[in-house]
């Protein structure tokens, strides 16, 4: 199918697919994208081989947008994904859209991780959503929240207008809150794991830096810096995020 039709589907859900790259600009800083977990898809006995029917991907668009791809559809698309590297971006987008639309967060995240590994991480719409997802999972993923938020910010030029302003603000909020979680984890662990004072001081300094950066983008976003200021106050540095 035409790439424009697939692009329309994906943009409708904020899942625009960027070009595939063998290496990502931020790879030296962030390391390789996460490894896709588990075995590659298998094809159940008795499932019809519909690979030839996957030539026209546009026929899957309406169904994927409703989260209604059938098991046979998924097998067909997964097989095309495995066998046709050039079609991986639009096929991956269809599968991600389907999981998102039917509310299967676990499968959506799994498919995103595979997309990042096989297609690339230079689409800020996808990495933004993944950073938000990680931010809802608690302190255990706080470091990864910062990693993915930072990576997304390196591609923010793909956004314009209100989308740019609101998402940059949201990413800085995610980073600062994750920094606070990491500082709190260090404080809580000092009596258990003998965390050295320097480590706690480093976590505190990092959190304050992230809070300052959050406060700096609040005014352009039409927001008050109160939440960033609250983080500063929690570690005894009131006013650190004032513009």
C-alpha atoms as a PDB file:
ATOM      1  CA  UNK A   1       0.000   0.000   0.000  1.00  0.00           C
ATOM      2  CA  UNK A   2       1.056   3.626  -0.240  1.00  0.00           C
ATOM      3  CA  UNK A   3       3.113   4.917   2.679  1.00  0.00           C
ATOM      4  CA  UNK A   4       0.858   7.976   2.855  1.00  0.00           C
ATOM      5  CA  UNK A   5      -2.138   5.865   3.824  1.00  0.00           C
ATOM      6  CA  UNK A   6      -0.222   4.156   6.607  1.00  0.00           C
ATOM      7  CA  UNK A   7       1.088   7.520   7.761  1.00  0.00           C
ATOM      8  CA  UNK A   8      -2.454   8.837   8.046  1.00  0.00           C
ATOM      9  CA  UNK A   9      -3.434   5.953  10.291  1.00  0.00           C
ATOM     10  CA  UNK A  10      -0.441   6.293  12.531  1.00  0.00           C
ATOM     11  CA  UNK A  11      -0.549  10.054  12.837  1.00  0.00           C
ATOM     12  CA  UNK A  12      -4.176   9.771  13.905  1.00  0.00           C
ATOM     13  CA  UNK A  13      -3.006   8.071  17.088  1.00  0.00           C
ATOM     14  CA  UNK A  14       0.211  10.028  17.530  1.00  0.00           C
ATOM     15  CA  UNK A  15       2.356   7.087  16.418  1.00  0.00           C
ATOM     16  CA  UNK A  16       4.216   8.474  13.416  1.00  0.00           C
ATOM     17  CA  UNK A  17       6.984   6.159  12.290  1.00  0.00           C
ATOM     18  CA  UNK A  18      10.353   7.710  11.510  1.00  0.00           C
ATOM     19  CA  UNK A  19      12.911   6.267   9.100  1.00  0.00           C
ATOM     20  CA  UNK A  20      14.854   3.205  10.177  1.00  0.00           C
ATOM     21  CA  UNK A  21      18.479   3.723  11.080  1.00  0.00           C
ATOM     22  CA  UNK A  22      21.202   1.219  11.791  1.00  0.00           C
ATOM     23  CA  UNK A  23      22.373   3.343  14.697  1.00  0.00           C
ATOM     24  CA  UNK A  24      20.704   6.085  16.685  1.00  0.00           C
ATOM     25  CA  UNK A  25      22.248   9.524  17.305  1.00  0.00           C
ATOM     26  CA  UNK A  26      22.006   9.081  21.077  1.00  0.00           C
ATOM     27  CA  UNK A  27      23.318   5.507  21.117  1.00  0.00           C
ATOM     28  CA  UNK A  28      26.668   6.526  22.520  1.00  0.00           C
ATOM     29  CA  UNK A  29      24.944   8.123  25.490  1.00  0.00           C
ATOM     30  CA  UNK A  30      21.999   5.824  26.077  1.00  0.00           C
ATOM     31  CA  UNK A  31      23.347   2.529  24.801  1.00  0.00           C
ATOM     32  CA  UNK A  32      21.484   0.227  22.431  1.00  0.00           C
ATOM     33  CA  UNK A  33      17.685   0.083  22.398  1.00  0.00           C
ATOM     34  CA  UNK A  34      16.181  -2.523  24.742  1.00  0.00           C
ATOM     35  CA  UNK A  35      16.289  -6.133  23.644  1.00  0.00           C
ATOM     36  CA  UNK A  36      13.007  -7.500  22.370  1.00  0.00           C
ATOM     37  CA  UNK A  37      11.942 -10.051  24.996  1.00  0.00           C
ATOM     38  CA  UNK A  38      10.937 -13.619  24.313  1.00  0.00           C
ATOM     39  CA  UNK A  39      10.953 -15.737  21.186  1.00  0.00           C
ATOM     40  CA  UNK A  40       9.892 -14.480  17.809  1.00  0.00           C
ATOM     41  CA  UNK A  41       6.278 -15.243  16.829  1.00  0.00           C
ATOM     42  CA  UNK A  42       5.231 -18.796  15.983  1.00  0.00           C
ATOM     43  CA  UNK A  43       2.379 -19.779  13.731  1.00  0.00           C
ATOM     44  CA  UNK A  44      -0.203 -22.132  15.268  1.00  0.00           C
ATOM     45  CA  UNK A  45      -1.125 -25.389  13.564  1.00  0.00           C
ATOM     46  CA  UNK A  46      -4.162 -24.941  11.407  1.00  0.00           C
ATOM     47  CA  UNK A  47      -3.739 -21.181  11.083  1.00  0.00           C
ATOM     48  CA  UNK A  48      -4.080 -20.294   7.394  1.00  0.00           C
ATOM     49  CA  UNK A  49      -0.994 -18.813   5.794  1.00  0.00           C
ATOM     50  CA  UNK A  50      -2.308 -15.447   4.597  1.00  0.00           C
ATOM     51  CA  UNK A  51       1.067 -13.904   3.864  1.00  0.00           C
ATOM     52  CA  UNK A  52       0.076 -13.166   0.282  1.00  0.00           C
ATOM     53  CA  UNK A  53      -2.973 -11.278   1.584  1.00  0.00           C
ATOM     54  CA  UNK A  54      -0.708  -8.897   3.511  1.00  0.00           C
ATOM     55  CA  UNK A  55       0.560  -7.208   0.365  1.00  0.00           C
ATOM     56  CA  UNK A  56      -2.025  -4.446   0.704  1.00  0.00           C
ATOM     57  CA  UNK A  57      -1.585  -3.198   4.260  1.00  0.00           C
ATOM     58  CA  UNK A  58      -4.285  -0.574   3.834  1.00  0.00           C
ATOM     59  CA  UNK A  59      -6.993  -3.191   4.305  1.00  0.00           C
ATOM     60  CA  UNK A  60      -5.871  -3.623   7.926  1.00  0.00           C
ATOM     61  CA  UNK A  61      -6.068   0.067   8.824  1.00  0.00           C
ATOM     62  CA  UNK A  62      -9.733   0.387   9.878  1.00  0.00           C
ATOM     63  CA  UNK A  63      -9.596  -2.824  11.888  1.00  0.00           C
ATOM     64  CA  UNK A  64      -6.330  -1.895  13.621  1.00  0.00           C
ATOM     65  CA  UNK A  65      -7.702   1.527  14.570  1.00  0.00           C
ATOM     66  CA  UNK A  66     -10.552  -0.235  16.361  1.00  0.00           C
ATOM     67  CA  UNK A  67      -8.247  -2.768  18.016  1.00  0.00           C
ATOM     68  CA  UNK A  68     -10.036  -5.548  16.137  1.00  0.00           C
ATOM     69  CA  UNK A  69      -7.288  -7.367  14.212  1.00  0.00           C
ATOM     70  CA  UNK A  70      -8.053 -11.099  14.229  1.00  0.00           C
ATOM     71  CA  UNK A  71      -5.498 -13.758  15.248  1.00  0.00           C
ATOM     72  CA  UNK A  72      -5.144 -14.612  11.552  1.00  0.00           C
ATOM     73  CA  UNK A  73      -4.503 -10.938  10.747  1.00  0.00           C
ATOM     74  CA  UNK A  74      -1.799 -10.750  13.405  1.00  0.00           C
ATOM     75  CA  UNK A  75      -0.127 -13.937  12.146  1.00  0.00           C
ATOM     76  CA  UNK A  76      -0.168 -12.564   8.616  1.00  0.00           C
ATOM     77  CA  UNK A  77       1.339  -9.255   9.682  1.00  0.00           C
ATOM     78  CA  UNK A  78       3.912 -10.847  11.972  1.00  0.00           C
ATOM     79  CA  UNK A  79       5.076 -13.097   9.161  1.00  0.00           C
ATOM     80  CA  UNK A  80       5.397 -10.123   6.822  1.00  0.00           C
ATOM     81  CA  UNK A  81       7.299  -8.281   9.537  1.00  0.00           C
ATOM     82  CA  UNK A  82       9.775 -11.149   9.823  1.00  0.00           C
ATOM     83  CA  UNK A  83      10.241 -11.734   6.100  1.00  0.00           C
ATOM     84  CA  UNK A  84      10.087  -8.207   4.637  1.00  0.00           C
ATOM     85  CA  UNK A  85      12.432  -5.805   6.413  1.00  0.00           C
ATOM     86  CA  UNK A  86      11.375  -2.886   4.207  1.00  0.00           C
ATOM     87  CA  UNK A  87       7.777  -3.249   5.417  1.00  0.00           C
ATOM     88  CA  UNK A  88       8.644  -3.360   9.105  1.00  0.00           C
ATOM     89  CA  UNK A  89       7.853   0.313   9.884  1.00  0.00           C
ATOM     90  CA  UNK A  90       4.240   0.265   8.593  1.00  0.00           C
ATOM     91  CA  UNK A  91       3.578  -3.303   9.787  1.00  0.00           C
ATOM     92  CA  UNK A  92       4.919  -2.481  13.236  1.00  0.00           C
ATOM     93  CA  UNK A  93       2.759   0.641  13.322  1.00  0.00           C
ATOM     94  CA  UNK A  94      -0.368  -1.369  12.524  1.00  0.00           C
ATOM     95  CA  UNK A  95       0.337  -3.842  15.315  1.00  0.00           C
ATOM     96  CA  UNK A  96       1.142  -1.051  17.787  1.00  0.00           C
ATOM     97  CA  UNK A  97      -2.042   0.790  16.820  1.00  0.00           C
ATOM     98  CA  UNK A  98      -4.123  -2.346  17.268  1.00  0.00           C
ATOM     99  CA  UNK A  99      -2.726  -3.038  20.752  1.00  0.00           C
ATOM    100  CA  UNK A 100      -3.166   0.616  21.755  1.00  0.00           C
ATOM    101  CA  UNK A 101      -6.737   0.776  20.495  1.00  0.00           C
ATOM    102  CA  UNK A 102      -7.843  -2.368  22.300  1.00  0.00           C
ATOM    103  CA  UNK A 103      -6.225  -1.240  25.551  1.00  0.00           C
ATOM    104  CA  UNK A 104      -3.678  -4.051  25.769  1.00  0.00           C
ATOM    105  CA  UNK A 105      -0.956  -2.032  27.492  1.00  0.00           C
ATOM    106  CA  UNK A 106       1.364  -4.971  28.032  1.00  0.00           C
ATOM    107  CA  UNK A 107       1.379  -5.994  24.374  1.00  0.00           C
ATOM    108  CA  UNK A 108       1.570  -2.359  23.280  1.00  0.00           C
ATOM    109  CA  UNK A 109       4.734  -1.868  25.358  1.00  0.00           C
ATOM    110  CA  UNK A 110       6.214  -5.125  24.049  1.00  0.00           C
ATOM    111  CA  UNK A 111       5.581  -4.079  20.457  1.00  0.00           C
ATOM    112  CA  UNK A 112       7.071  -0.651  21.124  1.00  0.00           C
ATOM    113  CA  UNK A 113      10.255  -2.222  22.500  1.00  0.00           C
ATOM    114  CA  UNK A 114      10.520  -4.367  19.379  1.00  0.00           C
ATOM    115  CA  UNK A 115       9.921  -1.320  17.184  1.00  0.00           C
ATOM    116  CA  UNK A 116      12.703   0.575  18.973  1.00  0.00           C
ATOM    117  CA  UNK A 117      15.088  -2.307  18.428  1.00  0.00           C
ATOM    118  CA  UNK A 118      14.235  -3.131  14.822  1.00  0.00           C
ATOM    119  CA  UNK A 119      13.037   0.161  13.333  1.00  0.00           C
ATOM    120  CA  UNK A 120      14.552   2.912  15.443  1.00  0.00           C
ATOM    121  CA  UNK A 121      14.064   5.333  18.330  1.00  0.00           C
ATOM    122  CA  UNK A 122      14.028   8.621  16.432  1.00  0.00           C
ATOM    123  CA  UNK A 123      10.236   9.072  16.443  1.00  0.00           C
ATOM    124  CA  UNK A 124       9.470  11.337  19.432  1.00  0.00           C
ATOM    125  CA  UNK A 125       5.753  10.457  19.377  1.00  0.00           C
ATOM    126  CA  UNK A 126       6.582   6.853  20.191  1.00  0.00           C
ATOM    127  CA  UNK A 127       9.385   7.500  22.682  1.00  0.00           C
ATOM    128  CA  UNK A 128       7.256  10.147  24.413  1.00  0.00           C
ATOM    129  CA  UNK A 129       4.453   7.661  24.946  1.00  0.00           C
ATOM    130  CA  UNK A 130       6.924   5.073  26.193  1.00  0.00           C
ATOM    131  CA  UNK A 131       8.459   7.529  28.681  1.00  0.00           C
ATOM    132  CA  UNK A 132       4.970   8.371  29.997  1.00  0.00           C
ATOM    133  CA  UNK A 133       4.202   4.653  30.285  1.00  0.00           C
ATOM    134  CA  UNK A 134       7.390   4.057  32.294  1.00  0.00           C
ATOM    135  CA  UNK A 135       6.601   7.042  34.484  1.00  0.00           C
ATOM    136  CA  UNK A 136       3.405   5.338  35.628  1.00  0.00           C
ATOM    137  CA  UNK A 137       5.203   2.152  36.648  1.00  0.00           C
ATOM    138  CA  UNK A 138       6.820   3.500  39.802  1.00  0.00           C
ATOM    139  CA  UNK A 139      10.280   4.161  41.206  1.00  0.00           C
ATOM    140  CA  UNK A 140      11.818   0.977  39.819  1.00  0.00           C
ATOM    141  CA  UNK A 141      11.748   2.478  36.310  1.00  0.00           C
ATOM    142  CA  UNK A 142      12.778   6.008  37.317  1.00  0.00           C
ATOM    143  CA  UNK A 143      16.201   5.855  35.681  1.00  0.00           C
ATOM    144  CA  UNK A 144      14.684   4.593  32.438  1.00  0.00           C
ATOM    145  CA  UNK A 145      12.123   7.399  32.540  1.00  0.00           C
ATOM    146  CA  UNK A 146      14.964   9.921  32.470  1.00  0.00           C
ATOM    147  CA  UNK A 147      16.764   8.028  29.697  1.00  0.00           C
ATOM    148  CA  UNK A 148      13.706   7.893  27.436  1.00  0.00           C
ATOM    149  CA  UNK A 149      12.621  11.449  28.227  1.00  0.00           C
ATOM    150  CA  UNK A 150      16.125  12.728  27.386  1.00  0.00           C
ATOM    151  CA  UNK A 151      16.157  10.752  24.161  1.00  0.00           C
ATOM    152  CA  UNK A 152      12.757  12.138  23.194  1.00  0.00           C
ATOM    153  CA  UNK A 153      13.920  15.692  23.826  1.00  0.00           C
ATOM    154  CA  UNK A 154      16.735  15.212  21.311  1.00  0.00           C
ATOM    155  CA  UNK A 155      14.050  14.768  18.620  1.00  0.00           C
ATOM    156  CA  UNK A 156      11.656  17.485  19.790  1.00  0.00           C
ATOM    157  CA  UNK A 157      12.201  19.492  16.591  1.00  0.00           C
ATOM    158  CA  UNK A 158       9.712  17.122  14.958  1.00  0.00           C
ATOM    159  CA  UNK A 159       6.980  18.917  16.945  1.00  0.00           C
ATOM    160  CA  UNK A 160       5.636  22.431  16.515  1.00  0.00           C
ATOM    161  CA  UNK A 161       3.262  24.805  18.249  1.00  0.00           C
ATOM    162  CA  UNK A 162       1.237  23.655  21.233  1.00  0.00           C
ATOM    163  CA  UNK A 163       2.360  20.050  20.820  1.00  0.00           C
ATOM    164  CA  UNK A 164       5.996  21.087  21.174  1.00  0.00           C
ATOM    165  CA  UNK A 165       5.308  23.297  24.191  1.00  0.00           C
ATOM    166  CA  UNK A 166       3.104  20.852  26.089  1.00  0.00           C
ATOM    167  CA  UNK A 167       5.235  17.791  25.455  1.00  0.00           C
ATOM    168  CA  UNK A 168       8.508  19.470  26.365  1.00  0.00           C
ATOM    169  CA  UNK A 169       6.882  20.556  29.634  1.00  0.00           C
ATOM    170  CA  UNK A 170       5.561  17.042  30.249  1.00  0.00           C
ATOM    171  CA  UNK A 171       8.968  15.482  29.572  1.00  0.00           C
ATOM    172  CA  UNK A 172      10.702  17.823  32.005  1.00  0.00           C
ATOM    173  CA  UNK A 173       8.042  17.005  34.600  1.00  0.00           C
ATOM    174  CA  UNK A 174       8.678  13.291  34.090  1.00  0.00           C
ATOM    175  CA  UNK A 175      12.431  13.772  34.466  1.00  0.00           C
ATOM    176  CA  UNK A 176      12.159  15.830  37.639  1.00  0.00           C
ATOM    177  CA  UNK A 177       9.708  13.443  39.303  1.00  0.00           C
ATOM    178  CA  UNK A 178      11.893  10.490  38.366  1.00  0.00           C
ATOM    179  CA  UNK A 179      14.892  12.315  39.837  1.00  0.00           C
ATOM    180  CA  UNK A 180      12.952  12.804  43.040  1.00  0.00           C
ATOM    181  CA  UNK A 181      12.111   9.081  43.145  1.00  0.00           C
ATOM    182  CA  UNK A 182      15.788   8.178  42.716  1.00  0.00           C
ATOM    183  CA  UNK A 183      16.815  10.575  45.484  1.00  0.00           C
ATOM    184  CA  UNK A 184      14.163   9.157  47.805  1.00  0.00           C
ATOM    185  CA  UNK A 185      15.281   5.606  47.015  1.00  0.00           C
ATOM    186  CA  UNK A 186      18.859   6.531  47.953  1.00  0.00           C
ATOM    187  CA  UNK A 187      17.705   8.100  51.223  1.00  0.00           C
ATOM    188  CA  UNK A 188      15.549   5.081  52.077  1.00  0.00           C
ATOM    189  CA  UNK A 189      18.372   2.655  51.329  1.00  0.00           C
ATOM    190  CA  UNK A 190      21.110   4.362  53.315  1.00  0.00           C
ATOM    191  CA  UNK A 191      20.354   2.418  56.476  1.00  0.00           C
ATOM    192  CA  UNK A 192      19.984  -0.898  54.638  1.00  0.00           C
ATOM    193  CA  UNK A 193      22.608  -0.980  51.924  1.00  0.00           C
ATOM    194  CA  UNK A 194      25.142   1.421  53.395  1.00  0.00           C
ATOM    195  CA  UNK A 195      24.594   3.988  50.657  1.00  0.00           C
ATOM    196  CA  UNK A 196      27.438   6.499  51.042  1.00  0.00           C
ATOM    197  CA  UNK A 197      26.537  10.121  51.781  1.00  0.00           C
ATOM    198  CA  UNK A 198      28.161  11.162  48.500  1.00  0.00           C
ATOM    199  CA  UNK A 199      25.637   9.065  46.571  1.00  0.00           C
ATOM    200  CA  UNK A 200      22.728  10.730  48.347  1.00  0.00           C
ATOM    201  CA  UNK A 201      24.240  14.159  47.748  1.00  0.00           C
ATOM    202  CA  UNK A 202      24.705  13.315  44.068  1.00  0.00           C
ATOM    203  CA  UNK A 203      21.074  12.172  43.764  1.00  0.00           C
ATOM    204  CA  UNK A 204      19.946  15.369  45.484  1.00  0.00           C
ATOM    205  CA  UNK A 205      22.004  17.575  43.172  1.00  0.00           C
ATOM    206  CA  UNK A 206      20.677  15.727  40.158  1.00  0.00           C
ATOM    207  CA  UNK A 207      17.089  16.146  41.312  1.00  0.00           C
ATOM    208  CA  UNK A 208      17.587  19.865  41.882  1.00  0.00           C
ATOM    209  CA  UNK A 209      19.037  20.248  38.401  1.00  0.00           C
ATOM    210  CA  UNK A 210      16.063  18.453  36.869  1.00  0.00           C
ATOM    211  CA  UNK A 211      13.644  20.565  38.940  1.00  0.00           C
ATOM    212  CA  UNK A 212      15.334  23.769  37.739  1.00  0.00           C
ATOM    213  CA  UNK A 213      14.993  22.667  34.131  1.00  0.00           C
ATOM    214  CA  UNK A 214      11.325  21.842  34.716  1.00  0.00           C
ATOM    215  CA  UNK A 215      10.732  25.263  36.251  1.00  0.00           C
ATOM    216  CA  UNK A 216      12.457  26.939  33.297  1.00  0.00           C
ATOM    217  CA  UNK A 217       9.951  25.520  30.791  1.00  0.00           C
ATOM    218  CA  UNK A 218       6.877  26.151  32.962  1.00  0.00           C
ATOM    219  CA  UNK A 219       6.319  29.795  31.986  1.00  0.00           C
ATOM    220  CA  UNK A 220       6.565  29.226  28.192  1.00  0.00           C
ATOM    221  CA  UNK A 221       4.056  26.403  28.639  1.00  0.00           C
ATOM    222  CA  UNK A 222       1.660  28.692  30.504  1.00  0.00           C
ATOM    223  CA  UNK A 223       2.187  26.789  33.742  1.00  0.00           C
ATOM    224  CA  UNK A 224       3.199  27.837  37.223  1.00  0.00           C
ATOM    225  CA  UNK A 225       6.485  26.512  38.557  1.00  0.00           C
ATOM    226  CA  UNK A 226       4.833  25.486  41.823  1.00  0.00           C
ATOM    227  CA  UNK A 227       5.279  21.725  41.403  1.00  0.00           C
ATOM    228  CA  UNK A 228       8.943  22.119  40.537  1.00  0.00           C
ATOM    229  CA  UNK A 229       9.349  24.432  43.507  1.00  0.00           C
ATOM    230  CA  UNK A 230       7.784  21.811  45.749  1.00  0.00           C
ATOM    231  CA  UNK A 231      10.483  19.333  44.739  1.00  0.00           C
ATOM    232  CA  UNK A 232      13.126  21.898  45.588  1.00  0.00           C
ATOM    233  CA  UNK A 233      11.583  22.527  48.987  1.00  0.00           C
ATOM    234  CA  UNK A 234      11.500  18.814  49.783  1.00  0.00           C
ATOM    235  CA  UNK A 235      15.292  18.697  49.765  1.00  0.00           C
ATOM    236  CA  UNK A 236      15.792  21.988  51.560  1.00  0.00           C
ATOM    237  CA  UNK A 237      16.422  24.239  48.573  1.00  0.00           C
ATOM    238  CA  UNK A 238      13.301  26.425  48.238  1.00  0.00           C
ATOM    239  CA  UNK A 239      13.282  28.755  45.270  1.00  0.00           C
ATOM    240  CA  UNK A 240      15.616  26.631  43.171  1.00  0.00           C
ATOM    241  CA  UNK A 241      13.116  26.402  40.295  1.00  0.00           C
ATOM    242  CA  UNK A 242      12.054  30.046  40.240  1.00  0.00           C
ATOM    243  CA  UNK A 243      12.361  31.649  36.789  1.00  0.00           C
END
